[in-house]
Amino acid sequence: MDTKILVTGATGNFGKTTIDFLLKKGIAATNISALVRDESKAEDLKVKGITIKVGDYDNYDSLLAAFQGVDKLLLVSGTDLVNRGKQQLNAVKAAKEAGVKHILYTSFERKNESETSPIAFLAKSHIDTDNAIKASGMTFTIFRNNLYLEVLPMFFGEQVLETGIFFPAGDTAAAYVSRNDLAEAVANVLVSENNESKEYAMNNVENYSMKNSADILSKITNTAVNYTSPSPEVYSDVLTKAGVPGEYVGMFVGFAAAIQQGEFYANSTDLENLLGRKPVSLEDFLNQVYTK
């Protein structure tokens, strides 16, 4: 396979993991490029033989230069929530102008696309990017990724085994997924010869509630872990008094409300099909984290 692949956000967890999977699947390092803002943070990629391209989402010309000669571009969604909408539209436009044949994007699972969504602050940039990609004329793959299993310990708090789970998500379940599984599935699409435009619903094959998490933690740690779903107001007050910064409090409350409203409840087998196996389960993940 001589297809030239470029991965953005290549020094972050998702980008770096996807590159590792590409190498494991036999893609030559010489056919993989990594877009980074700071070349000094990419030494480990250089050692693997990956071509480093320096570019900044805020600098259109740098993106245009970096995307020259690229066949498939994996646009990993940015972490700058304030500016990423504009930044990612820059990337889509530059990809089109540079002649990229196939653009792949890590979007997110959702049902409510209106301003009434409790995570509208997060959703708008994804929705705008999805729409720009679809309108670009390039072949596209959009991955509607569910919440990572890896966010759960953050929602639980460091003292979860002592204090239990205190999170206002009610009894609604969500199809949380392993970031590694998502990255492997993305790598599988990158190496495939399928050139049809498609969206994938990247969800686990089971949905899990916070009570499920508490029950599994109780079982695997032989500790009584309870689950309490307070009101958003009480939860906000507790976090604020504990010194959690306001922007994080708002984000946690928003995600909890979205979970409770069923935004991340899903039934699909796209991820399982792309992996060729069952995705990592909630119990698998909690065992890895809490029984080391």
C-alpha atoms as a PDB file:
ATOM      1  CA  MET A   1       0.000   0.000   0.000  1.00  0.00           C
ATOM      2  CA  ASP A   2       1.630   3.237  -1.189  1.00  0.00           C
ATOM      3  CA  THR A   3      -1.182   5.493   0.002  1.00  0.00           C
ATOM      4  CA  LYS A   4       0.184   8.532   1.808  1.00  0.00           C
ATOM      5  CA  ILE A   5      -1.524   8.978   5.178  1.00  0.00           C
ATOM      6  CA  LEU A   6      -1.316  12.064   7.394  1.00  0.00           C
ATOM      7  CA  VAL A   7      -2.513  12.081  11.016  1.00  0.00           C
ATOM      8  CA  THR A   8      -3.209  15.364  12.799  1.00  0.00           C
ATOM      9  CA  GLY A   9      -2.935  15.766  16.566  1.00  0.00           C
ATOM     10  CA  ALA A  10      -0.174  13.198  16.301  1.00  0.00           C
ATOM     11  CA  THR A  11       1.424  13.928  19.678  1.00  0.00           C
ATOM     12  CA  GLY A  12      -1.903  13.435  21.474  1.00  0.00           C
ATOM     13  CA  ASN A  13      -3.216  10.115  22.751  1.00  0.00           C
ATOM     14  CA  PHE A  14      -5.576   9.317  19.888  1.00  0.00           C
ATOM     15  CA  GLY A  15      -3.275  10.353  17.043  1.00  0.00           C
ATOM     16  CA  LYS A  16      -0.239   8.605  18.468  1.00  0.00           C
ATOM     17  CA  THR A  17      -2.180   5.402  19.163  1.00  0.00           C
ATOM     18  CA  THR A  18      -3.615   5.371  15.639  1.00  0.00           C
ATOM     19  CA  ILE A  19      -0.118   5.718  14.166  1.00  0.00           C
ATOM     20  CA  ASP A  20       1.078   2.782  16.288  1.00  0.00           C
ATOM     21  CA  PHE A  21      -1.778   0.656  14.968  1.00  0.00           C
ATOM     22  CA  LEU A  22      -0.962   1.652  11.374  1.00  0.00           C
ATOM     23  CA  LEU A  23       2.625   0.488  11.889  1.00  0.00           C
ATOM     24  CA  LYS A  24       1.435  -2.782  13.480  1.00  0.00           C
ATOM     25  CA  LYS A  25      -0.809  -3.379  10.479  1.00  0.00           C
ATOM     26  CA  GLY A  26       2.165  -3.192   8.133  1.00  0.00           C
ATOM     27  CA  ILE A  27       1.958   0.362   6.813  1.00  0.00           C
ATOM     28  CA  ALA A  28       5.484   1.583   6.106  1.00  0.00           C
ATOM     29  CA  ALA A  29       6.583   4.476   8.297  1.00  0.00           C
ATOM     30  CA  THR A  30       7.624   6.290   5.112  1.00  0.00           C
ATOM     31  CA  ASN A  31       3.948   6.380   4.082  1.00  0.00           C
ATOM     32  CA  ILE A  32       2.819   8.004   7.342  1.00  0.00           C
ATOM     33  CA  SER A  33       3.135  11.683   8.186  1.00  0.00           C
ATOM     34  CA  ALA A  34       2.330  13.340  11.502  1.00  0.00           C
ATOM     35  CA  LEU A  35       1.101  16.921  11.808  1.00  0.00           C
ATOM     36  CA  VAL A  36       2.443  18.578  14.956  1.00  0.00           C
ATOM     37  CA  ARG A  37       2.637  22.131  16.253  1.00  0.00           C
ATOM     38  CA  ASP A  38       5.786  21.543  18.290  1.00  0.00           C
ATOM     39  CA  GLU A  39       8.385  19.342  16.605  1.00  0.00           C
ATOM     40  CA  SER A  40      10.271  18.867  19.885  1.00  0.00           C
ATOM     41  CA  LYS A  41       7.316  16.812  21.187  1.00  0.00           C
ATOM     42  CA  ALA A  42       7.534  14.388  18.263  1.00  0.00           C
ATOM     43  CA  GLU A  43      10.924  12.771  18.929  1.00  0.00           C
ATOM     44  CA  ASP A  44       9.342   9.364  19.566  1.00  0.00           C
ATOM     45  CA  LEU A  45       7.572   9.558  16.195  1.00  0.00           C
ATOM     46  CA  LYS A  46      10.820  10.497  14.441  1.00  0.00           C
ATOM     47  CA  VAL A  47      12.512   7.454  15.969  1.00  0.00           C
ATOM     48  CA  LYS A  48       9.814   5.269  14.384  1.00  0.00           C
ATOM     49  CA  GLY A  49      10.556   6.798  10.965  1.00  0.00           C
ATOM     50  CA  ILE A  50       7.374   8.878  10.750  1.00  0.00           C
ATOM     51  CA  THR A  51       7.634  12.041   8.609  1.00  0.00           C
ATOM     52  CA  ILE A  52       7.021  15.092  10.776  1.00  0.00           C
ATOM     53  CA  LYS A  53       5.140  18.033   9.294  1.00  0.00           C
ATOM     54  CA  VAL A  54       4.847  21.193  11.339  1.00  0.00           C
ATOM     55  CA  GLY A  55       1.511  22.949  11.048  1.00  0.00           C
ATOM     56  CA  ASP A  56      -0.908  25.013  13.083  1.00  0.00           C
ATOM     57  CA  TYR A  57      -4.694  24.961  12.709  1.00  0.00           C
ATOM     58  CA  ASP A  58      -4.662  28.760  12.989  1.00  0.00           C
ATOM     59  CA  ASN A  59      -2.152  29.076  10.132  1.00  0.00           C
ATOM     60  CA  TYR A  60      -3.888  28.140   6.871  1.00  0.00           C
ATOM     61  CA  ASP A  61      -0.741  28.275   4.753  1.00  0.00           C
ATOM     62  CA  SER A  62       1.048  25.858   7.088  1.00  0.00           C
ATOM     63  CA  LEU A  63      -1.826  23.389   6.711  1.00  0.00           C
ATOM     64  CA  LEU A  64      -1.882  23.777   2.945  1.00  0.00           C
ATOM     65  CA  ALA A  65       1.837  23.016   2.783  1.00  0.00           C
ATOM     66  CA  ALA A  66       1.580  20.052   5.177  1.00  0.00           C
ATOM     67  CA  PHE A  67      -1.287  18.450   3.246  1.00  0.00           C
ATOM     68  CA  GLN A  68       0.488  18.444  -0.139  1.00  0.00           C
ATOM     69  CA  GLY A  69       0.795  14.912  -1.541  1.00  0.00           C
ATOM     70  CA  VAL A  70      -1.508  13.403   1.100  1.00  0.00           C
ATOM     71  CA  ASP A  71      -4.034  10.785  -0.063  1.00  0.00           C
ATOM     72  CA  LYS A  72      -5.810  10.137   3.238  1.00  0.00           C
ATOM     73  CA  LEU A  73      -6.031  12.712   6.028  1.00  0.00           C
ATOM     74  CA  LEU A  74      -7.108  11.737   9.532  1.00  0.00           C
ATOM     75  CA  LEU A  75      -8.379  14.919  11.186  1.00  0.00           C
ATOM     76  CA  VAL A  76      -8.349  14.221  14.917  1.00  0.00           C
ATOM     77  CA  SER A  77     -10.714  16.670  16.616  1.00  0.00           C
ATOM     78  CA  GLY A  78      -8.844  19.432  18.439  1.00  0.00           C
ATOM     79  CA  THR A  79      -8.780  20.087  22.172  1.00  0.00           C
ATOM     80  CA  ASP A  80      -9.116  23.876  22.007  1.00  0.00           C
ATOM     81  CA  LEU A  81     -12.873  23.989  22.590  1.00  0.00           C
ATOM     82  CA  VAL A  82     -13.066  27.759  22.115  1.00  0.00           C
ATOM     83  CA  ASN A  83     -11.316  27.914  18.741  1.00  0.00           C
ATOM     84  CA  ARG A  84     -11.504  24.449  17.255  1.00  0.00           C
ATOM     85  CA  GLY A  85     -14.576  25.125  15.124  1.00  0.00           C
ATOM     86  CA  LYS A  86     -12.715  27.695  13.029  1.00  0.00           C
ATOM     87  CA  GLN A  87      -9.488  25.684  13.209  1.00  0.00           C
ATOM     88  CA  GLN A  88     -11.070  22.517  11.858  1.00  0.00           C
ATOM     89  CA  LEU A  89     -12.861  24.367   9.075  1.00  0.00           C
ATOM     90  CA  ASN A  90      -9.415  25.701   8.110  1.00  0.00           C
ATOM     91  CA  ALA A  91      -8.147  22.121   7.991  1.00  0.00           C
ATOM     92  CA  VAL A  92     -11.037  20.903   5.814  1.00  0.00           C
ATOM     93  CA  LYS A  93     -10.626  23.814   3.384  1.00  0.00           C
ATOM     94  CA  ALA A  94      -6.838  23.300   3.199  1.00  0.00           C
ATOM     95  CA  ALA A  95      -7.293  19.565   2.604  1.00  0.00           C
ATOM     96  CA  LYS A  96      -9.630  20.249  -0.295  1.00  0.00           C
ATOM     97  CA  GLU A  97      -7.263  22.833  -1.816  1.00  0.00           C
ATOM     98  CA  ALA A  98      -4.241  20.555  -1.370  1.00  0.00           C
ATOM     99  CA  GLY A  99      -5.931  17.722  -3.279  1.00  0.00           C
ATOM    100  CA  VAL A 100      -6.483  15.292  -0.393  1.00  0.00           C
ATOM    101  CA  LYS A 101      -8.568  12.419  -1.747  1.00  0.00           C
ATOM    102  CA  HIS A 102     -10.114  11.059   1.462  1.00  0.00           C
ATOM    103  CA  ILE A 103     -10.677  12.876   4.766  1.00  0.00           C
ATOM    104  CA  LEU A 104     -11.494  11.004   7.982  1.00  0.00           C
ATOM    105  CA  TYR A 105     -12.746  12.829  11.093  1.00  0.00           C
ATOM    106  CA  THR A 106     -13.232  11.882  14.741  1.00  0.00           C
ATOM    107  CA  SER A 107     -16.654  13.332  15.509  1.00  0.00           C
ATOM    108  CA  PHE A 108     -18.970  12.294  18.351  1.00  0.00           C
ATOM    109  CA  GLU A 109     -22.197  10.443  19.063  1.00  0.00           C
ATOM    110  CA  ARG A 110     -25.258  12.590  19.754  1.00  0.00           C
ATOM    111  CA  LYS A 111     -28.998  12.831  19.247  1.00  0.00           C
ATOM    112  CA  ASN A 112     -29.791  16.462  20.070  1.00  0.00           C
ATOM    113  CA  GLU A 113     -28.036  18.822  17.655  1.00  0.00           C
ATOM    114  CA  SER A 114     -29.866  21.946  18.840  1.00  0.00           C
ATOM    115  CA  GLU A 115     -28.811  24.687  21.244  1.00  0.00           C
ATOM    116  CA  THR A 116     -30.865  22.944  23.936  1.00  0.00           C
ATOM    117  CA  SER A 117     -28.289  20.155  24.180  1.00  0.00           C
ATOM    118  CA  PRO A 118     -26.510  20.228  27.558  1.00  0.00           C
ATOM    119  CA  ILE A 119     -23.254  19.808  25.639  1.00  0.00           C
ATOM    120  CA  ALA A 120     -23.987  22.337  22.890  1.00  0.00           C
ATOM    121  CA  PHE A 121     -20.661  23.999  23.814  1.00  0.00           C
ATOM    122  CA  LEU A 122     -18.931  20.838  22.601  1.00  0.00           C
ATOM    123  CA  ALA A 123     -21.294  19.807  19.836  1.00  0.00           C
ATOM    124  CA  LYS A 124     -21.316  22.845  17.542  1.00  0.00           C
ATOM    125  CA  SER A 125     -17.716  22.542  16.341  1.00  0.00           C
ATOM    126  CA  HIS A 126     -18.216  18.838  15.577  1.00  0.00           C
ATOM    127  CA  ILE A 127     -21.463  19.413  13.698  1.00  0.00           C
ATOM    128  CA  ASP A 128     -19.985  22.298  11.697  1.00  0.00           C
ATOM    129  CA  THR A 129     -16.936  20.184  10.818  1.00  0.00           C
ATOM    130  CA  ASP A 130     -19.097  17.209   9.803  1.00  0.00           C
ATOM    131  CA  ASN A 131     -21.165  19.445   7.521  1.00  0.00           C
ATOM    132  CA  ALA A 132     -18.106  21.103   5.952  1.00  0.00           C
ATOM    133  CA  ILE A 133     -16.561  17.712   5.225  1.00  0.00           C
ATOM    134  CA  LYS A 134     -19.765  16.412   3.620  1.00  0.00           C
ATOM    135  CA  ALA A 135     -19.999  19.527   1.452  1.00  0.00           C
ATOM    136  CA  SER A 136     -16.311  19.441   0.430  1.00  0.00           C
ATOM    137  CA  GLY A 137     -16.590  16.913  -2.384  1.00  0.00           C
ATOM    138  CA  MET A 138     -13.808  14.775  -0.884  1.00  0.00           C
ATOM    139  CA  THR A 139     -14.465  11.141  -0.037  1.00  0.00           C
ATOM    140  CA  PHE A 140     -15.125  11.152   3.710  1.00  0.00           C
ATOM    141  CA  THR A 141     -15.360   8.912   6.733  1.00  0.00           C
ATOM    142  CA  ILE A 142     -16.929  10.366   9.870  1.00  0.00           C
ATOM    143  CA  PHE A 143     -16.562   8.455  13.119  1.00  0.00           C
ATOM    144  CA  ARG A 144     -19.329   9.326  15.583  1.00  0.00           C
ATOM    145  CA  ASN A 145     -17.351   8.334  18.673  1.00  0.00           C
ATOM    146  CA  ASN A 146     -19.139   7.683  21.942  1.00  0.00           C
ATOM    147  CA  LEU A 147     -17.713   8.816  25.275  1.00  0.00           C
ATOM    148  CA  TYR A 148     -14.405   7.187  26.148  1.00  0.00           C
ATOM    149  CA  LEU A 149     -14.316   4.616  28.922  1.00  0.00           C
ATOM    150  CA  GLU A 150     -11.217   6.568  29.943  1.00  0.00           C
ATOM    151  CA  VAL A 151     -13.349   9.531  31.122  1.00  0.00           C
ATOM    152  CA  LEU A 152     -15.081   7.435  33.768  1.00  0.00           C
ATOM    153  CA  PRO A 153     -12.331   7.624  36.422  1.00  0.00           C
ATOM    154  CA  MET A 154     -12.470  11.417  36.035  1.00  0.00           C
ATOM    155  CA  PHE A 155     -16.236  11.365  36.612  1.00  0.00           C
ATOM    156  CA  PHE A 156     -15.800   8.970  39.564  1.00  0.00           C
ATOM    157  CA  GLY A 157     -13.108  10.968  41.367  1.00  0.00           C
ATOM    158  CA  GLU A 158      -9.865   9.744  42.910  1.00  0.00           C
ATOM    159  CA  GLN A 159     -11.508   8.499  46.122  1.00  0.00           C
ATOM    160  CA  VAL A 160     -14.236   6.467  44.417  1.00  0.00           C
ATOM    161  CA  LEU A 161     -13.468   3.280  46.353  1.00  0.00           C
ATOM    162  CA  GLU A 162     -13.835   5.186  49.631  1.00  0.00           C
ATOM    163  CA  THR A 163     -16.683   7.565  48.811  1.00  0.00           C
ATOM    164  CA  GLY A 164     -18.573   5.836  46.007  1.00  0.00           C
ATOM    165  CA  ILE A 165     -19.706   7.351  42.698  1.00  0.00           C
ATOM    166  CA  PHE A 166     -21.309  10.800  43.121  1.00  0.00           C
ATOM    167  CA  PHE A 167     -22.442  11.945  39.672  1.00  0.00           C
ATOM    168  CA  PRO A 168     -25.788  13.346  38.432  1.00  0.00           C
ATOM    169  CA  ALA A 169     -26.384  10.973  35.513  1.00  0.00           C
ATOM    170  CA  GLY A 170     -29.470   9.228  36.885  1.00  0.00           C
ATOM    171  CA  ASP A 171     -30.062   5.659  35.785  1.00  0.00           C
ATOM    172  CA  THR A 172     -29.506   6.189  32.042  1.00  0.00           C
ATOM    173  CA  ALA A 173     -26.897   4.031  30.376  1.00  0.00           C
ATOM    174  CA  ALA A 174     -24.318   4.939  27.725  1.00  0.00           C
ATOM    175  CA  ALA A 175     -22.259   2.885  25.257  1.00  0.00           C
ATOM    176  CA  TYR A 176     -18.813   3.990  26.503  1.00  0.00           C
ATOM    177  CA  VAL A 177     -15.902   2.842  24.362  1.00  0.00           C
ATOM    178  CA  SER A 178     -12.175   2.288  24.760  1.00  0.00           C
ATOM    179  CA  ARG A 179     -10.027   4.962  23.106  1.00  0.00           C
ATOM    180  CA  ASN A 180      -7.627   2.229  21.958  1.00  0.00           C
ATOM    181  CA  ASP A 181     -10.482   0.338  20.292  1.00  0.00           C
ATOM    182  CA  LEU A 182     -11.541   3.503  18.479  1.00  0.00           C
ATOM    183  CA  ALA A 183      -7.986   4.178  17.314  1.00  0.00           C
ATOM    184  CA  GLU A 184      -7.588   0.597  16.058  1.00  0.00           C
ATOM    185  CA  ALA A 185     -10.884   0.792  14.168  1.00  0.00           C
ATOM    186  CA  VAL A 186      -9.837   4.089  12.576  1.00  0.00           C
ATOM    187  CA  ALA A 187      -6.524   2.504  11.550  1.00  0.00           C
ATOM    188  CA  ASN A 188      -8.451  -0.397   9.978  1.00  0.00           C
ATOM    189  CA  VAL A 189     -10.434   2.053   7.847  1.00  0.00           C
ATOM    190  CA  LEU A 190      -7.259   3.927   6.878  1.00  0.00           C
ATOM    191  CA  VAL A 191      -5.601   0.752   5.596  1.00  0.00           C
ATOM    192  CA  SER A 192      -8.684  -0.518   3.764  1.00  0.00           C
ATOM    193  CA  GLU A 193      -9.237   0.022   0.049  1.00  0.00           C
ATOM    194  CA  ASN A 194     -12.856   1.079   0.563  1.00  0.00           C
ATOM    195  CA  ASN A 195     -13.350   4.518  -0.961  1.00  0.00           C
ATOM    196  CA  GLU A 196     -17.042   5.035  -0.248  1.00  0.00           C
ATOM    197  CA  SER A 197     -18.105   7.976   1.892  1.00  0.00           C
ATOM    198  CA  LYS A 198     -19.571   6.716   5.156  1.00  0.00           C
ATOM    199  CA  GLU A 199     -20.426   7.577   8.758  1.00  0.00           C
ATOM    200  CA  TYR A 200     -19.811   5.017  11.478  1.00  0.00           C
ATOM    201  CA  ALA A 201     -21.609   4.899  14.838  1.00  0.00           C
ATOM    202  CA  MET A 202     -18.686   4.091  17.125  1.00  0.00           C
ATOM    203  CA  ASN A 203     -20.374   2.642  20.195  1.00  0.00           C
ATOM    204  CA  ASN A 204     -19.892  -0.312  22.481  1.00  0.00           C
ATOM    205  CA  VAL A 205     -22.167  -3.306  21.990  1.00  0.00           C
ATOM    206  CA  GLU A 206     -23.549  -2.806  25.517  1.00  0.00           C
ATOM    207  CA  ASN A 207     -24.793   0.265  27.370  1.00  0.00           C
ATOM    208  CA  TYR A 208     -23.698   0.844  30.953  1.00  0.00           C
ATOM    209  CA  SER A 209     -25.220   2.939  33.738  1.00  0.00           C
ATOM    210  CA  MET A 210     -23.317   4.476  36.635  1.00  0.00           C
ATOM    211  CA  LYS A 211     -24.982   1.868  38.859  1.00  0.00           C
ATOM    212  CA  ASN A 212     -23.439  -0.818  36.640  1.00  0.00           C
ATOM    213  CA  SER A 213     -20.050   0.808  37.214  1.00  0.00           C
ATOM    214  CA  ALA A 214     -20.562   0.878  40.984  1.00  0.00           C
ATOM    215  CA  ASP A 215     -21.625  -2.785  41.014  1.00  0.00           C
ATOM    216  CA  ILE A 216     -18.609  -3.866  38.946  1.00  0.00           C
ATOM    217  CA  LEU A 217     -16.220  -1.840  41.111  1.00  0.00           C
ATOM    218  CA  SER A 218     -17.734  -3.461  44.202  1.00  0.00           C
ATOM    219  CA  LYS A 219     -17.207  -6.919  42.728  1.00  0.00           C
ATOM    220  CA  ILE A 220     -13.663  -6.523  41.417  1.00  0.00           C
ATOM    221  CA  THR A 221     -12.292  -4.628  44.444  1.00  0.00           C
ATOM    222  CA  ASN A 222     -14.313  -6.508  47.097  1.00  0.00           C
ATOM    223  CA  THR A 223     -15.408  -3.090  48.389  1.00  0.00           C
ATOM    224  CA  ALA A 224     -18.918  -1.682  48.776  1.00  0.00           C
ATOM    225  CA  VAL A 225     -19.067   1.087  46.162  1.00  0.00           C
ATOM    226  CA  ASN A 226     -22.367   2.973  46.135  1.00  0.00           C
ATOM    227  CA  TYR A 227     -23.800   5.230  43.454  1.00  0.00           C
ATOM    228  CA  THR A 228     -25.510   8.511  44.296  1.00  0.00           C
ATOM    229  CA  SER A 229     -27.096  10.713  41.632  1.00  0.00           C
ATOM    230  CA  PRO A 230     -27.471  14.162  43.203  1.00  0.00           C
ATOM    231  CA  SER A 231     -29.221  17.123  41.628  1.00  0.00           C
ATOM    232  CA  PRO A 232     -27.016  19.145  39.262  1.00  0.00           C
ATOM    233  CA  GLU A 233     -27.172  22.037  41.732  1.00  0.00           C
ATOM    234  CA  VAL A 234     -25.950  19.953  44.671  1.00  0.00           C
ATOM    235  CA  TYR A 235     -23.248  18.367  42.501  1.00  0.00           C
ATOM    236  CA  SER A 236     -22.036  21.771  41.276  1.00  0.00           C
ATOM    237  CA  ASP A 237     -21.928  23.073  44.826  1.00  0.00           C
ATOM    238  CA  VAL A 238     -19.914  20.098  46.085  1.00  0.00           C
ATOM    239  CA  LEU A 239     -17.373  20.379  43.263  1.00  0.00           C
ATOM    240  CA  THR A 240     -17.066  24.138  43.635  1.00  0.00           C
ATOM    241  CA  LYS A 241     -16.464  23.844  47.385  1.00  0.00           C
ATOM    242  CA  ALA A 242     -13.818  21.185  46.649  1.00  0.00           C
ATOM    243  CA  GLY A 243     -11.928  23.742  44.550  1.00  0.00           C
ATOM    244  CA  VAL A 244     -12.732  22.350  41.093  1.00  0.00           C
ATOM    245  CA  PRO A 245     -12.388  25.165  38.490  1.00  0.00           C
ATOM    246  CA  GLY A 246     -15.695  26.536  37.215  1.00  0.00           C
ATOM    247  CA  GLU A 247     -15.145  25.510  33.584  1.00  0.00           C
ATOM    248  CA  TYR A 248     -14.652  21.890  34.664  1.00  0.00           C
ATOM    249  CA  VAL A 249     -17.706  21.978  36.898  1.00  0.00           C
ATOM    250  CA  GLY A 250     -19.777  23.204  33.949  1.00  0.00           C
ATOM    251  CA  MET A 251     -18.341  20.541  31.661  1.00  0.00           C
ATOM    252  CA  PHE A 252     -19.003  17.711  34.131  1.00  0.00           C
ATOM    253  CA  VAL A 253     -22.576  18.924  34.737  1.00  0.00           C
ATOM    254  CA  GLY A 254     -23.151  19.142  30.978  1.00  0.00           C
ATOM    255  CA  PHE A 255     -21.879  15.633  30.297  1.00  0.00           C
ATOM    256  CA  ALA A 256     -23.904  14.233  33.208  1.00  0.00           C
ATOM    257  CA  ALA A 257     -27.072  15.855  31.862  1.00  0.00           C
ATOM    258  CA  ALA A 258     -26.328  14.563  28.358  1.00  0.00           C
ATOM    259  CA  ILE A 259     -25.829  11.040  29.701  1.00  0.00           C
ATOM    260  CA  GLN A 260     -29.069  11.267  31.715  1.00  0.00           C
ATOM    261  CA  GLN A 261     -30.957  12.486  28.631  1.00  0.00           C
ATOM    262  CA  GLY A 262     -29.761   9.459  26.664  1.00  0.00           C
ATOM    263  CA  GLU A 263     -27.410  11.299  24.291  1.00  0.00           C
ATOM    264  CA  PHE A 264     -24.881   8.456  24.478  1.00  0.00           C
ATOM    265  CA  TYR A 265     -27.267   5.503  24.683  1.00  0.00           C
ATOM    266  CA  ALA A 266     -26.829   3.608  21.430  1.00  0.00           C
ATOM    267  CA  ASN A 267     -27.349   0.288  19.735  1.00  0.00           C
ATOM    268  CA  SER A 268     -24.936  -0.347  16.883  1.00  0.00           C
ATOM    269  CA  THR A 269     -22.327  -2.872  15.851  1.00  0.00           C
ATOM    270  CA  ASP A 270     -20.178  -0.652  13.608  1.00  0.00           C
ATOM    271  CA  LEU A 271     -17.230  -0.652  16.015  1.00  0.00           C
ATOM    272  CA  GLU A 272     -17.424  -4.410  16.585  1.00  0.00           C
ATOM    273  CA  ASN A 273     -17.556  -4.958  12.818  1.00  0.00           C
ATOM    274  CA  LEU A 274     -14.557  -2.695  12.144  1.00  0.00           C
ATOM    275  CA  LEU A 275     -12.518  -4.420  14.868  1.00  0.00           C
ATOM    276  CA  GLY A 276     -13.566  -7.950  13.955  1.00  0.00           C
ATOM    277  CA  ARG A 277     -14.096  -8.667  17.660  1.00  0.00           C
ATOM    278  CA  LYS A 278     -16.065  -7.493  20.681  1.00  0.00           C
ATOM    279  CA  PRO A 279     -14.944  -4.080  21.955  1.00  0.00           C
ATOM    280  CA  VAL A 280     -13.393  -3.776  25.421  1.00  0.00           C
ATOM    281  CA  SER A 281     -16.210  -3.949  27.965  1.00  0.00           C
ATOM    282  CA  LEU A 282     -16.796  -1.774  31.016  1.00  0.00           C
ATOM    283  CA  GLU A 283     -15.697  -4.634  33.283  1.00  0.00           C
ATOM    284  CA  ASP A 284     -12.528  -5.208  31.224  1.00  0.00           C
ATOM    285  CA  PHE A 285     -11.665  -1.528  31.525  1.00  0.00           C
ATOM    286  CA  LEU A 286     -12.403  -1.177  35.241  1.00  0.00           C
ATOM    287  CA  ASN A 287     -10.332  -4.291  35.914  1.00  0.00           C
ATOM    288  CA  GLN A 288      -7.388  -2.738  34.078  1.00  0.00           C
ATOM    289  CA  VAL A 289      -7.627   0.511  36.048  1.00  0.00           C
ATOM    290  CA  TYR A 290      -8.632  -0.564  39.543  1.00  0.00           C
ATOM    291  CA  THR A 291      -7.033  -3.979  40.093  1.00  0.00           C
ATOM    292  CA  LYS A 292      -3.413  -3.226  39.184  1.00  0.00           C
END
